[in-house]
């Protein structure tokens, strides 16, 4: 399921001892959970209690439908940053002006991560 591993990691970073850094739960993670019909708090409890990512995946599968997962995967794989408003996306990702080839939100997040984490080396 697209974005689930990243969402698990983000929620783990909110737990004691974690460090969420510049990330947040609102955004793709919150939208994903809403589309799946899973509350953010319930997901966070499941992540905190899970011994592995597989246990979180089982929680998700037990609390949604395959149709909702398929719908989410289709939506997120086509979603453009800020709903396709490139000007608004440039306000958040100023470097996007250098990368007109990046159109899909997941590709923009990937590039943003590369740029952010390159500065932490």
PDB file of N, CA and C in Angstrom:
ATOM      1  N   UNK A   1       0.841  -1.168   0.000  1.00  0.00           N
ATOM      2  CA  UNK A   1       0.000   0.000   0.000  1.00  0.00           C
ATOM      3  C   UNK A   1       0.892   1.239   0.000  1.00  0.00           C
ATOM      4  N   UNK A   2       0.650   2.114  -0.952  1.00  0.00           N
ATOM      5  CA  UNK A   2       1.463   3.307  -1.118  1.00  0.00           C
ATOM      6  C   UNK A   2       1.366   4.206   0.115  1.00  0.00           C
ATOM      7  N   UNK A   3       2.497   4.633   0.616  1.00  0.00           N
ATOM      8  CA  UNK A   3       2.663   5.593   1.702  1.00  0.00           C
ATOM      9  C   UNK A   3       2.532   4.989   3.091  1.00  0.00           C
ATOM     10  N   UNK A   4       2.098   3.745   3.209  1.00  0.00           N
ATOM     11  CA  UNK A   4       1.940   3.160   4.545  1.00  0.00           C
ATOM     12  C   UNK A   4       3.275   3.059   5.283  1.00  0.00           C
ATOM     13  N   UNK A   5       4.354   2.562   4.672  1.00  0.00           N
ATOM     14  CA  UNK A   5       5.624   2.497   5.419  1.00  0.00           C
ATOM     15  C   UNK A   5       6.083   3.862   5.934  1.00  0.00           C
ATOM     16  N   UNK A   6       5.948   4.880   5.101  1.00  0.00           N
ATOM     17  CA  UNK A   6       6.353   6.229   5.518  1.00  0.00           C
ATOM     18  C   UNK A   6       5.481   6.702   6.672  1.00  0.00           C
ATOM     19  N   UNK A   7       4.191   6.411   6.616  1.00  0.00           N
ATOM     20  CA  UNK A   7       3.279   6.819   7.674  1.00  0.00           C
ATOM     21  C   UNK A   7       3.594   6.097   8.987  1.00  0.00           C
ATOM     22  N   UNK A   8       3.943   4.838   8.900  1.00  0.00           N
ATOM     23  CA  UNK A   8       4.343   4.093  10.104  1.00  0.00           C
ATOM     24  C   UNK A   8       5.566   4.761  10.720  1.00  0.00           C
ATOM     25  N   UNK A   9       6.556   5.061   9.902  1.00  0.00           N
ATOM     26  CA  UNK A   9       7.781   5.706  10.405  1.00  0.00           C
ATOM     27  C   UNK A   9       7.483   7.071  11.018  1.00  0.00           C
ATOM     28  N   UNK A  10       6.611   7.842  10.376  1.00  0.00           N
ATOM     29  CA  UNK A  10       6.279   9.160  10.900  1.00  0.00           C
ATOM     30  C   UNK A  10       5.594   9.046  12.258  1.00  0.00           C
ATOM     31  N   UNK A  11       4.669   8.120  12.381  1.00  0.00           N
ATOM     32  CA  UNK A  11       3.975   7.954  13.665  1.00  0.00           C
ATOM     33  C   UNK A  11       4.951   7.446  14.724  1.00  0.00           C
ATOM     34  N   UNK A  12       5.832   6.528  14.362  1.00  0.00           N
ATOM     35  CA  UNK A  12       6.844   6.068  15.333  1.00  0.00           C
ATOM     36  C   UNK A  12       7.680   7.242  15.833  1.00  0.00           C
ATOM     37  N   UNK A  13       7.948   8.181  14.958  1.00  0.00           N
ATOM     38  CA  UNK A  13       8.768   9.339  15.335  1.00  0.00           C
ATOM     39  C   UNK A  13       8.050  10.244  16.335  1.00  0.00           C
ATOM     40  N   UNK A  14       6.730  10.099  16.465  1.00  0.00           N
ATOM     41  CA  UNK A  14       5.988  10.896  17.445  1.00  0.00           C
ATOM     42  C   UNK A  14       5.970  10.237  18.820  1.00  0.00           C
ATOM     43  N   UNK A  15       6.408   8.994  18.896  1.00  0.00           N
ATOM     44  CA  UNK A  15       6.400   8.260  20.161  1.00  0.00           C
ATOM     45  C   UNK A  15       7.572   8.703  21.036  1.00  0.00           C
ATOM     46  N   UNK A  16       7.486   8.445  22.328  1.00  0.00           N
ATOM     47  CA  UNK A  16       8.596   8.824  23.223  1.00  0.00           C
ATOM     48  C   UNK A  16       9.942   8.318  22.689  1.00  0.00           C
ATOM     49  N   UNK A  17      10.903   9.223  22.653  1.00  0.00           N
ATOM     50  CA  UNK A  17      12.232   8.890  22.141  1.00  0.00           C
ATOM     51  C   UNK A  17      12.385   9.139  20.653  1.00  0.00           C
ATOM     52  N   UNK A  18      11.268   9.408  19.968  1.00  0.00           N
ATOM     53  CA  UNK A  18      11.317   9.655  18.530  1.00  0.00           C
ATOM     54  C   UNK A  18      11.600  11.115  18.230  1.00  0.00           C
ATOM     55  N   UNK A  19      11.821  11.379  16.954  1.00  0.00           N
ATOM     56  CA  UNK A  19      12.079  12.748  16.514  1.00  0.00           C
ATOM     57  C   UNK A  19      11.408  12.932  15.162  1.00  0.00           C
ATOM     58  N   UNK A  20      10.286  13.621  15.145  1.00  0.00           N
ATOM     59  CA  UNK A  20       9.519  13.819  13.922  1.00  0.00           C
ATOM     60  C   UNK A  20      10.201  14.795  12.968  1.00  0.00           C
ATOM     61  N   UNK A  21      11.108  15.600  13.495  1.00  0.00           N
ATOM     62  CA  UNK A  21      11.812  16.560  12.644  1.00  0.00           C
ATOM     63  C   UNK A  21      10.831  17.475  11.939  1.00  0.00           C
ATOM     64  N   UNK A  22      11.052  17.740  10.651  1.00  0.00           N
ATOM     65  CA  UNK A  22      10.182  18.671   9.935  1.00  0.00           C
ATOM     66  C   UNK A  22       8.883  18.028   9.430  1.00  0.00           C
ATOM     67  N   UNK A  23       8.703  16.755   9.682  1.00  0.00           N
ATOM     68  CA  UNK A  23       7.531  16.058   9.166  1.00  0.00           C
ATOM     69  C   UNK A  23       6.328  16.274  10.067  1.00  0.00           C
ATOM     70  N   UNK A  24       5.173  15.906   9.565  1.00  0.00           N
ATOM     71  CA  UNK A  24       3.960  16.010  10.350  1.00  0.00           C
ATOM     72  C   UNK A  24       2.987  14.924   9.926  1.00  0.00           C
ATOM     73  N   UNK A  25       1.973  14.734  10.712  1.00  0.00           N
ATOM     74  CA  UNK A  25       0.976  13.715  10.398  1.00  0.00           C
ATOM     75  C   UNK A  25      -0.096  14.271   9.456  1.00  0.00           C
ATOM     76  N   UNK A  26      -0.542  15.517   9.638  1.00  0.00           N
ATOM     77  CA  UNK A  26      -1.472  16.055   8.639  1.00  0.00           C
ATOM     78  C   UNK A  26      -0.802  16.050   7.260  1.00  0.00           C
ATOM     79  N   UNK A  27      -1.583  15.888   6.249  1.00  0.00           N
ATOM     80  CA  UNK A  27      -1.043  15.764   4.893  1.00  0.00           C
ATOM     81  C   UNK A  27      -1.381  14.393   4.363  1.00  0.00           C
ATOM     82  N   UNK A  28      -0.449  13.802   3.626  1.00  0.00           N
ATOM     83  CA  UNK A  28      -0.723  12.498   3.018  1.00  0.00           C
ATOM     84  C   UNK A  28      -1.121  11.437   4.048  1.00  0.00           C
ATOM     85  N   UNK A  29      -0.454  11.399   5.197  1.00  0.00           N
ATOM     86  CA  UNK A  29      -0.783  10.377   6.192  1.00  0.00           C
ATOM     87  C   UNK A  29      -2.219  10.523   6.676  1.00  0.00           C
ATOM     88  N   UNK A  30      -2.595  11.721   7.046  1.00  0.00           N
ATOM     89  CA  UNK A  30      -3.962  11.938   7.531  1.00  0.00           C
ATOM     90  C   UNK A  30      -4.989  11.646   6.435  1.00  0.00           C
ATOM     91  N   UNK A  31      -4.718  12.092   5.222  1.00  0.00           N
ATOM     92  CA  UNK A  31      -5.639  11.841   4.116  1.00  0.00           C
ATOM     93  C   UNK A  31      -5.743  10.344   3.855  1.00  0.00           C
ATOM     94  N   UNK A  32      -4.614   9.643   3.885  1.00  0.00           N
ATOM     95  CA  UNK A  32      -4.625   8.197   3.676  1.00  0.00           C
ATOM     96  C   UNK A  32      -5.525   7.522   4.708  1.00  0.00           C
ATOM     97  N   UNK A  33      -5.319   7.869   5.970  1.00  0.00           N
ATOM     98  CA  UNK A  33      -6.113   7.242   7.023  1.00  0.00           C
ATOM     99  C   UNK A  33      -7.591   7.591   6.890  1.00  0.00           C
ATOM    100  N   UNK A  34      -7.901   8.822   6.561  1.00  0.00           N
ATOM    101  CA  UNK A  34      -9.302   9.208   6.352  1.00  0.00           C
ATOM    102  C   UNK A  34      -9.919   8.401   5.223  1.00  0.00           C
ATOM    103  N   UNK A  35      -9.203   8.264   4.127  1.00  0.00           N
ATOM    104  CA  UNK A  35      -9.731   7.518   2.981  1.00  0.00           C
ATOM    105  C   UNK A  35      -9.894   6.035   3.304  1.00  0.00           C
ATOM    106  N   UNK A  36      -9.079   5.538   4.216  1.00  0.00           N
ATOM    107  CA  UNK A  36      -9.197   4.139   4.623  1.00  0.00           C
ATOM    108  C   UNK A  36     -10.246   3.941   5.707  1.00  0.00           C
ATOM    109  N   UNK A  37     -10.691   5.047   6.306  1.00  0.00           N
ATOM    110  CA  UNK A  37     -11.672   4.951   7.381  1.00  0.00           C
ATOM    111  C   UNK A  37     -11.053   4.586   8.718  1.00  0.00           C
ATOM    112  N   UNK A  38      -9.780   4.943   8.894  1.00  0.00           N
ATOM    113  CA  UNK A  38      -9.049   4.644  10.128  1.00  0.00           C
ATOM    114  C   UNK A  38      -8.693   5.970  10.794  1.00  0.00           C
ATOM    115  N   UNK A  39      -8.996   6.089  12.068  1.00  0.00           N
ATOM    116  CA  UNK A  39      -8.659   7.313  12.783  1.00  0.00           C
ATOM    117  C   UNK A  39      -7.161   7.425  13.038  1.00  0.00           C
ATOM    118  N   UNK A  40      -6.668   8.643  13.040  1.00  0.00           N
ATOM    119  CA  UNK A  40      -5.245   8.875  13.298  1.00  0.00           C
ATOM    120  C   UNK A  40      -4.855   8.318  14.659  1.00  0.00           C
ATOM    121  N   UNK A  41      -5.689   8.562  15.654  1.00  0.00           N
ATOM    122  CA  UNK A  41      -5.373   8.090  17.005  1.00  0.00           C
ATOM    123  C   UNK A  41      -5.338   6.567  17.066  1.00  0.00           C
ATOM    124  N   UNK A  42      -6.286   5.901  16.420  1.00  0.00           N
ATOM    125  CA  UNK A  42      -6.306   4.435  16.406  1.00  0.00           C
ATOM    126  C   UNK A  42      -5.059   3.891  15.704  1.00  0.00           C
ATOM    127  N   UNK A  43      -4.664   4.544  14.620  1.00  0.00           N
ATOM    128  CA  UNK A  43      -3.465   4.134  13.891  1.00  0.00           C
ATOM    129  C   UNK A  43      -2.232   4.311  14.773  1.00  0.00           C
ATOM    130  N   UNK A  44      -2.154   5.431  15.477  1.00  0.00           N
ATOM    131  CA  UNK A  44      -1.010   5.691  16.355  1.00  0.00           C
ATOM    132  C   UNK A  44      -0.931   4.648  17.468  1.00  0.00           C
ATOM    133  N   UNK A  45      -2.064   4.279  18.028  1.00  0.00           N
ATOM    134  CA  UNK A  45      -2.090   3.240  19.073  1.00  0.00           C
ATOM    135  C   UNK A  45      -1.599   1.917  18.491  1.00  0.00           C
ATOM    136  N   UNK A  46      -2.047   1.591  17.281  1.00  0.00           N
ATOM    137  CA  UNK A  46      -1.624   0.339  16.645  1.00  0.00           C
ATOM    138  C   UNK A  46      -0.126   0.341  16.375  1.00  0.00           C
ATOM    139  N   UNK A  47       0.400   1.461  15.905  1.00  0.00           N
ATOM    140  CA  UNK A  47       1.841   1.558  15.642  1.00  0.00           C
ATOM    141  C   UNK A  47       2.623   1.414  16.943  1.00  0.00           C
ATOM    142  N   UNK A  48       2.172   2.073  17.986  1.00  0.00           N
ATOM    143  CA  UNK A  48       2.870   2.013  19.277  1.00  0.00           C
ATOM    144  C   UNK A  48       2.881   0.587  19.838  1.00  0.00           C
ATOM    145  N   UNK A  49       1.817  -0.147  19.614  1.00  0.00           N
ATOM    146  CA  UNK A  49       1.701  -1.502  20.174  1.00  0.00           C
ATOM    147  C   UNK A  49       2.355  -2.569  19.299  1.00  0.00           C
ATOM    148  N   UNK A  50       2.596  -2.260  18.049  1.00  0.00           N
ATOM    149  CA  UNK A  50       3.102  -3.257  17.099  1.00  0.00           C
ATOM    150  C   UNK A  50       4.570  -3.576  17.329  1.00  0.00           C
ATOM    151  N   UNK A  51       4.891  -4.844  17.181  1.00  0.00           N
ATOM    152  CA  UNK A  51       6.277  -5.286  17.271  1.00  0.00           C
ATOM    153  C   UNK A  51       6.964  -5.214  15.907  1.00  0.00           C
ATOM    154  N   UNK A  52       6.165  -5.014  14.838  1.00  0.00           N
ATOM    155  CA  UNK A  52       6.744  -4.987  13.493  1.00  0.00           C
ATOM    156  C   UNK A  52       5.811  -4.229  12.545  1.00  0.00           C
ATOM    157  N   UNK A  53       6.352  -3.887  11.390  1.00  0.00           N
ATOM    158  CA  UNK A  53       5.531  -3.262  10.356  1.00  0.00           C
ATOM    159  C   UNK A  53       4.425  -4.210   9.907  1.00  0.00           C
ATOM    160  N   UNK A  54       4.724  -5.506   9.883  1.00  0.00           N
ATOM    161  CA  UNK A  54       3.713  -6.492   9.478  1.00  0.00           C
ATOM    162  C   UNK A  54       2.488  -6.433  10.379  1.00  0.00           C
ATOM    163  N   UNK A  55       2.698  -6.211  11.666  1.00  0.00           N
ATOM    164  CA  UNK A  55       1.559  -6.111  12.580  1.00  0.00           C
ATOM    165  C   UNK A  55       0.722  -4.873  12.267  1.00  0.00           C
ATOM    166  N   UNK A  56       1.375  -3.787  11.895  1.00  0.00           N
ATOM    167  CA  UNK A  56       0.627  -2.578  11.517  1.00  0.00           C
ATOM    168  C   UNK A  56      -0.148  -2.845  10.230  1.00  0.00           C
ATOM    169  N   UNK A  57       0.464  -3.530   9.289  1.00  0.00           N
ATOM    170  CA  UNK A  57      -0.225  -3.870   8.039  1.00  0.00           C
ATOM    171  C   UNK A  57      -1.461  -4.720   8.319  1.00  0.00           C
ATOM    172  N   UNK A  58      -1.338  -5.665   9.230  1.00  0.00           N
ATOM    173  CA  UNK A  58      -2.488  -6.492   9.604  1.00  0.00           C
ATOM    174  C   UNK A  58      -3.579  -5.634  10.219  1.00  0.00           C
ATOM    175  N   UNK A  59      -3.200  -4.688  11.084  1.00  0.00           N
ATOM    176  CA  UNK A  59      -4.181  -3.767  11.675  1.00  0.00           C
ATOM    177  C   UNK A  59      -4.919  -3.013  10.568  1.00  0.00           C
ATOM    178  N   UNK A  60      -4.170  -2.478   9.615  1.00  0.00           N
ATOM    179  CA  UNK A  60      -4.788  -1.709   8.531  1.00  0.00           C
ATOM    180  C   UNK A  60      -5.740  -2.602   7.733  1.00  0.00           C
ATOM    181  N   UNK A  61      -5.281  -3.774   7.338  1.00  0.00           N
ATOM    182  CA  UNK A  61      -6.123  -4.681   6.548  1.00  0.00           C
ATOM    183  C   UNK A  61      -7.389  -5.079   7.301  1.00  0.00           C
ATOM    184  N   UNK A  62      -7.282  -5.209   8.623  1.00  0.00           N
ATOM    185  CA  UNK A  62      -8.441  -5.588   9.429  1.00  0.00           C
ATOM    186  C   UNK A  62      -9.406  -4.433   9.673  1.00  0.00           C
ATOM    187  N   UNK A  63      -8.987  -3.208   9.364  1.00  0.00           N
ATOM    188  CA  UNK A  63      -9.804  -2.029   9.671  1.00  0.00           C
ATOM    189  C   UNK A  63     -10.213  -1.222   8.449  1.00  0.00           C
ATOM    190  N   UNK A  64     -10.020  -1.793   7.277  1.00  0.00           N
ATOM    191  CA  UNK A  64     -10.459  -1.139   6.040  1.00  0.00           C
ATOM    192  C   UNK A  64     -10.839  -2.220   5.042  1.00  0.00           C
ATOM    193  N   UNK A  65     -11.082  -1.830   3.814  1.00  0.00           N
ATOM    194  CA  UNK A  65     -11.411  -2.803   2.770  1.00  0.00           C
ATOM    195  C   UNK A  65     -10.366  -2.729   1.663  1.00  0.00           C
ATOM    196  N   UNK A  66     -10.271  -3.794   0.892  1.00  0.00           N
ATOM    197  CA  UNK A  66      -9.347  -3.796  -0.235  1.00  0.00           C
ATOM    198  C   UNK A  66      -9.745  -2.732  -1.255  1.00  0.00           C
ATOM    199  N   UNK A  67     -11.035  -2.504  -1.390  1.00  0.00           N
ATOM    200  CA  UNK A  67     -11.500  -1.473  -2.324  1.00  0.00           C
ATOM    201  C   UNK A  67     -10.987  -0.087  -1.909  1.00  0.00           C
ATOM    202  N   UNK A  68     -10.999   0.204  -0.611  1.00  0.00           N
ATOM    203  CA  UNK A  68     -10.490   1.495  -0.139  1.00  0.00           C
ATOM    204  C   UNK A  68      -8.979   1.592  -0.342  1.00  0.00           C
ATOM    205  N   UNK A  69      -8.269   0.497  -0.130  1.00  0.00           N
ATOM    206  CA  UNK A  69      -6.821   0.478  -0.364  1.00  0.00           C
ATOM    207  C   UNK A  69      -6.534   0.734  -1.843  1.00  0.00           C
ATOM    208  N   UNK A  70      -7.257   0.047  -2.713  1.00  0.00           N
ATOM    209  CA  UNK A  70      -7.064   0.237  -4.156  1.00  0.00           C
ATOM    210  C   UNK A  70      -7.381   1.666  -4.573  1.00  0.00           C
ATOM    211  N   UNK A  71      -8.455   2.220  -4.009  1.00  0.00           N
ATOM    212  CA  UNK A  71      -8.829   3.598  -4.330  1.00  0.00           C
ATOM    213  C   UNK A  71      -7.742   4.568  -3.867  1.00  0.00           C
ATOM    214  N   UNK A  72      -7.220   4.348  -2.651  1.00  0.00           N
ATOM    215  CA  UNK A  72      -6.137   5.188  -2.138  1.00  0.00           C
ATOM    216  C   UNK A  72      -4.916   5.115  -3.044  1.00  0.00           C
ATOM    217  N   UNK A  73      -4.499   3.902  -3.385  1.00  0.00           N
ATOM    218  CA  UNK A  73      -3.310   3.733  -4.221  1.00  0.00           C
ATOM    219  C   UNK A  73      -3.459   4.462  -5.551  1.00  0.00           C
ATOM    220  N   UNK A  74      -4.623   4.372  -6.162  1.00  0.00           N
ATOM    221  CA  UNK A  74      -4.859   5.066  -7.429  1.00  0.00           C
ATOM    222  C   UNK A  74      -4.819   6.571  -7.263  1.00  0.00           C
ATOM    223  N   UNK A  75      -5.454   7.057  -6.194  1.00  0.00           N
ATOM    224  CA  UNK A  75      -5.508   8.502  -5.960  1.00  0.00           C
ATOM    225  C   UNK A  75      -4.120   9.074  -5.687  1.00  0.00           C
ATOM    226  N   UNK A  76      -3.378   8.457  -4.777  1.00  0.00           N
ATOM    227  CA  UNK A  76      -2.088   9.017  -4.367  1.00  0.00           C
ATOM    228  C   UNK A  76      -1.050   8.932  -5.490  1.00  0.00           C
ATOM    229  N   UNK A  77      -1.169   7.930  -6.342  1.00  0.00           N
ATOM    230  CA  UNK A  77      -0.229   7.805  -7.455  1.00  0.00           C
ATOM    231  C   UNK A  77      -0.477   8.828  -8.562  1.00  0.00           C
ATOM    232  N   UNK A  78      -1.618   9.524  -8.505  1.00  0.00           N
ATOM    233  CA  UNK A  78      -1.930  10.543  -9.506  1.00  0.00           C
ATOM    234  C   UNK A  78      -1.990  11.952  -8.910  1.00  0.00           C
ATOM    235  N   UNK A  79      -1.904  12.069  -7.604  1.00  0.00           N
ATOM    236  CA  UNK A  79      -2.094  13.351  -6.907  1.00  0.00           C
ATOM    237  C   UNK A  79      -0.942  14.308  -7.192  1.00  0.00           C
ATOM    238  N   UNK A  80      -1.302  15.524  -7.555  1.00  0.00           N
ATOM    239  CA  UNK A  80      -0.315  16.578  -7.767  1.00  0.00           C
ATOM    240  C   UNK A  80      -0.231  17.438  -6.512  1.00  0.00           C
ATOM    241  N   UNK A  81       0.944  17.995  -6.219  1.00  0.00           N
ATOM    242  CA  UNK A  81       1.065  18.860  -5.037  1.00  0.00           C
ATOM    243  C   UNK A  81       0.041  19.990  -5.070  1.00  0.00           C
ATOM    244  N   UNK A  82      -0.540  20.247  -3.925  1.00  0.00           N
ATOM    245  CA  UNK A  82      -1.518  21.320  -3.756  1.00  0.00           C
ATOM    246  C   UNK A  82      -2.649  21.206  -4.767  1.00  0.00           C
ATOM    247  N   UNK A  83      -3.028  19.967  -5.073  1.00  0.00           N
ATOM    248  CA  UNK A  83      -4.154  19.733  -5.981  1.00  0.00           C
ATOM    249  C   UNK A  83      -3.921  20.223  -7.391  1.00  0.00           C
ATOM    250  N   UNK A  84      -2.659  20.338  -7.786  1.00  0.00           N
ATOM    251  CA  UNK A  84      -2.322  20.799  -9.132  1.00  0.00           C
ATOM    252  C   UNK A  84      -2.042  22.289  -9.231  1.00  0.00           C
ATOM    253  N   UNK A  85      -2.128  22.996  -8.115  1.00  0.00           N
ATOM    254  CA  UNK A  85      -1.839  24.439  -8.095  1.00  0.00           C
ATOM    255  C   UNK A  85      -0.321  24.614  -7.973  1.00  0.00           C
ATOM    256  N   UNK A  86       0.331  24.761  -9.101  1.00  0.00           N
ATOM    257  CA  UNK A  86       1.803  24.823  -9.134  1.00  0.00           C
ATOM    258  C   UNK A  86       2.329  26.049  -8.381  1.00  0.00           C
ATOM    259  N   UNK A  87       1.618  27.157  -8.435  1.00  0.00           N
ATOM    260  CA  UNK A  87       2.052  28.360  -7.731  1.00  0.00           C
ATOM    261  C   UNK A  87       2.065  28.103  -6.226  1.00  0.00           C
ATOM    262  N   UNK A  88       1.024  27.482  -5.711  1.00  0.00           N
ATOM    263  CA  UNK A  88       0.971  27.159  -4.279  1.00  0.00           C
ATOM    264  C   UNK A  88       2.056  26.145  -3.916  1.00  0.00           C
ATOM    265  N   UNK A  89       2.300  25.188  -4.797  1.00  0.00           N
ATOM    266  CA  UNK A  89       3.349  24.195  -4.546  1.00  0.00           C
ATOM    267  C   UNK A  89       4.721  24.860  -4.503  1.00  0.00           C
ATOM    268  N   UNK A  90       4.946  25.848  -5.350  1.00  0.00           N
ATOM    269  CA  UNK A  90       6.223  26.568  -5.362  1.00  0.00           C
ATOM    270  C   UNK A  90       6.458  27.336  -4.067  1.00  0.00           C
ATOM    271  N   UNK A  91       5.402  27.758  -3.413  1.00  0.00           N
ATOM    272  CA  UNK A  91       5.551  28.454  -2.134  1.00  0.00           C
ATOM    273  C   UNK A  91       6.124  27.514  -1.074  1.00  0.00           C
ATOM    274  N   UNK A  92       5.772  26.267  -1.149  1.00  0.00           N
ATOM    275  CA  UNK A  92       6.249  25.277  -0.180  1.00  0.00           C
ATOM    276  C   UNK A  92       7.578  24.672  -0.621  1.00  0.00           C
ATOM    277  N   UNK A  93       7.703  24.434  -1.912  1.00  0.00           N
ATOM    278  CA  UNK A  93       8.908  23.819  -2.484  1.00  0.00           C
ATOM    279  C   UNK A  93       9.494  24.775  -3.523  1.00  0.00           C
ATOM    280  N   UNK A  94      10.202  25.816  -3.102  1.00  0.00           N
ATOM    281  CA  UNK A  94      10.710  26.806  -4.058  1.00  0.00           C
ATOM    282  C   UNK A  94      11.607  26.196  -5.137  1.00  0.00           C
ATOM    283  N   UNK A  95      12.289  25.124  -4.808  1.00  0.00           N
ATOM    284  CA  UNK A  95      13.180  24.463  -5.757  1.00  0.00           C
ATOM    285  C   UNK A  95      12.409  23.783  -6.897  1.00  0.00           C
ATOM    286  N   UNK A  96      11.093  23.661  -6.744  1.00  0.00           N
ATOM    287  CA  UNK A  96      10.274  22.992  -7.753  1.00  0.00           C
ATOM    288  C   UNK A  96      10.333  23.717  -9.098  1.00  0.00           C
ATOM    289  N   UNK A  97      10.639  25.006  -9.076  1.00  0.00           N
ATOM    290  CA  UNK A  97      10.803  25.764 -10.317  1.00  0.00           C
ATOM    291  C   UNK A  97      11.927  25.223 -11.177  1.00  0.00           C
ATOM    292  N   UNK A  98      12.913  24.599 -10.532  1.00  0.00           N
ATOM    293  CA  UNK A  98      14.041  23.988 -11.249  1.00  0.00           C
ATOM    294  C   UNK A  98      13.694  22.607 -11.780  1.00  0.00           C
ATOM    295  N   UNK A  99      12.557  22.061 -11.331  1.00  0.00           N
ATOM    296  CA  UNK A  99      12.201  20.677 -11.671  1.00  0.00           C
ATOM    297  C   UNK A  99      10.795  20.569 -12.251  1.00  0.00           C
ATOM    298  N   UNK A 100      10.574  21.132 -13.440  1.00  0.00           N
ATOM    299  CA  UNK A 100       9.241  21.044 -14.046  1.00  0.00           C
ATOM    300  C   UNK A 100       8.832  19.611 -14.372  1.00  0.00           C
ATOM    301  N   UNK A 101       9.811  18.694 -14.366  1.00  0.00           N
ATOM    302  CA  UNK A 101       9.520  17.292 -14.637  1.00  0.00           C
ATOM    303  C   UNK A 101       8.801  16.612 -13.464  1.00  0.00           C
ATOM    304  N   UNK A 102       8.866  17.208 -12.286  1.00  0.00           N
ATOM    305  CA  UNK A 102       8.210  16.623 -11.119  1.00  0.00           C
ATOM    306  C   UNK A 102       6.776  17.142 -11.043  1.00  0.00           C
ATOM    307  N   UNK A 103       5.841  16.264 -11.269  1.00  0.00           N
ATOM    308  CA  UNK A 103       4.432  16.639 -11.321  1.00  0.00           C
ATOM    309  C   UNK A 103       3.632  15.933 -10.229  1.00  0.00           C
ATOM    310  N   UNK A 104       3.925  14.675  -9.982  1.00  0.00           N
ATOM    311  CA  UNK A 104       3.180  13.872  -9.009  1.00  0.00           C
ATOM    312  C   UNK A 104       3.708  14.157  -7.597  1.00  0.00           C
ATOM    313  N   UNK A 105       2.801  14.286  -6.660  1.00  0.00           N
ATOM    314  CA  UNK A 105       3.156  14.619  -5.284  1.00  0.00           C
ATOM    315  C   UNK A 105       4.179  13.693  -4.663  1.00  0.00           C
ATOM    316  N   UNK A 106       4.070  12.394  -4.904  1.00  0.00           N
ATOM    317  CA  UNK A 106       5.034  11.461  -4.316  1.00  0.00           C
ATOM    318  C   UNK A 106       6.446  11.712  -4.833  1.00  0.00           C
ATOM    319  N   UNK A 107       6.557  12.096  -6.112  1.00  0.00           N
ATOM    320  CA  UNK A 107       7.876  12.412  -6.676  1.00  0.00           C
ATOM    321  C   UNK A 107       8.440  13.690  -6.047  1.00  0.00           C
ATOM    322  N   UNK A 108       7.553  14.648  -5.783  1.00  0.00           N
ATOM    323  CA  UNK A 108       7.986  15.889  -5.144  1.00  0.00           C
ATOM    324  C   UNK A 108       8.462  15.595  -3.721  1.00  0.00           C
ATOM    325  N   UNK A 109       7.731  14.769  -2.985  1.00  0.00           N
ATOM    326  CA  UNK A 109       8.156  14.406  -1.630  1.00  0.00           C
ATOM    327  C   UNK A 109       9.499  13.678  -1.640  1.00  0.00           C
ATOM    328  N   UNK A 110       9.680  12.805  -2.613  1.00  0.00           N
ATOM    329  CA  UNK A 110      10.951  12.078  -2.726  1.00  0.00           C
ATOM    330  C   UNK A 110      12.110  13.049  -2.935  1.00  0.00           C
ATOM    331  N   UNK A 111      11.943  13.988  -3.831  1.00  0.00           N
ATOM    332  CA  UNK A 111      12.995  14.987  -4.088  1.00  0.00           C
ATOM    333  C   UNK A 111      13.205  15.879  -2.874  1.00  0.00           C
ATOM    334  N   UNK A 112      12.120  16.250  -2.206  1.00  0.00           N
ATOM    335  CA  UNK A 112      12.234  17.087  -1.019  1.00  0.00           C
ATOM    336  C   UNK A 112      13.028  16.359   0.067  1.00  0.00           C
ATOM    337  N   UNK A 113      12.761  15.076   0.245  1.00  0.00           N
ATOM    338  CA  UNK A 113      13.525  14.281   1.213  1.00  0.00           C
ATOM    339  C   UNK A 113      15.006  14.262   0.846  1.00  0.00           C
ATOM    340  N   UNK A 114      15.309  14.049  -0.424  1.00  0.00           N
ATOM    341  CA  UNK A 114      16.706  14.014  -0.863  1.00  0.00           C
ATOM    342  C   UNK A 114      17.410  15.330  -0.537  1.00  0.00           C
ATOM    343  N   UNK A 115      16.728  16.424  -0.784  1.00  0.00           N
ATOM    344  CA  UNK A 115      17.317  17.744  -0.528  1.00  0.00           C
ATOM    345  C   UNK A 115      17.462  18.000   0.972  1.00  0.00           C
ATOM    346  N   UNK A 116      16.456  17.629   1.727  1.00  0.00           N
ATOM    347  CA  UNK A 116      16.501  17.863   3.176  1.00  0.00           C
ATOM    348  C   UNK A 116      17.598  17.014   3.832  1.00  0.00           C
ATOM    349  N   UNK A 117      17.612  15.730   3.514  1.00  0.00           N
ATOM    350  CA  UNK A 117      18.554  14.832   4.173  1.00  0.00           C
ATOM    351  C   UNK A 117      19.977  14.996   3.653  1.00  0.00           C
ATOM    352  N   UNK A 118      20.143  15.515   2.466  1.00  0.00           N
ATOM    353  CA  UNK A 118      21.489  15.802   1.961  1.00  0.00           C
ATOM    354  C   UNK A 118      22.145  16.862   2.832  1.00  0.00           C
ATOM    355  N   UNK A 119      21.342  17.767   3.356  1.00  0.00           N
ATOM    356  CA  UNK A 119      21.869  18.824   4.228  1.00  0.00           C
ATOM    357  C   UNK A 119      22.213  18.345   5.620  1.00  0.00           C
ATOM    358  N   UNK A 120      21.819  17.131   5.965  1.00  0.00           N
ATOM    359  CA  UNK A 120      22.089  16.599   7.307  1.00  0.00           C
ATOM    360  C   UNK A 120      23.306  15.696   7.350  1.00  0.00           C
ATOM    361  N   UNK A 121      23.950  15.476   6.230  1.00  0.00           N
ATOM    362  CA  UNK A 121      25.109  14.574   6.204  1.00  0.00           C
ATOM    363  C   UNK A 121      26.285  15.183   6.878  1.00  0.00           C
TER     364      UNK A 121
END
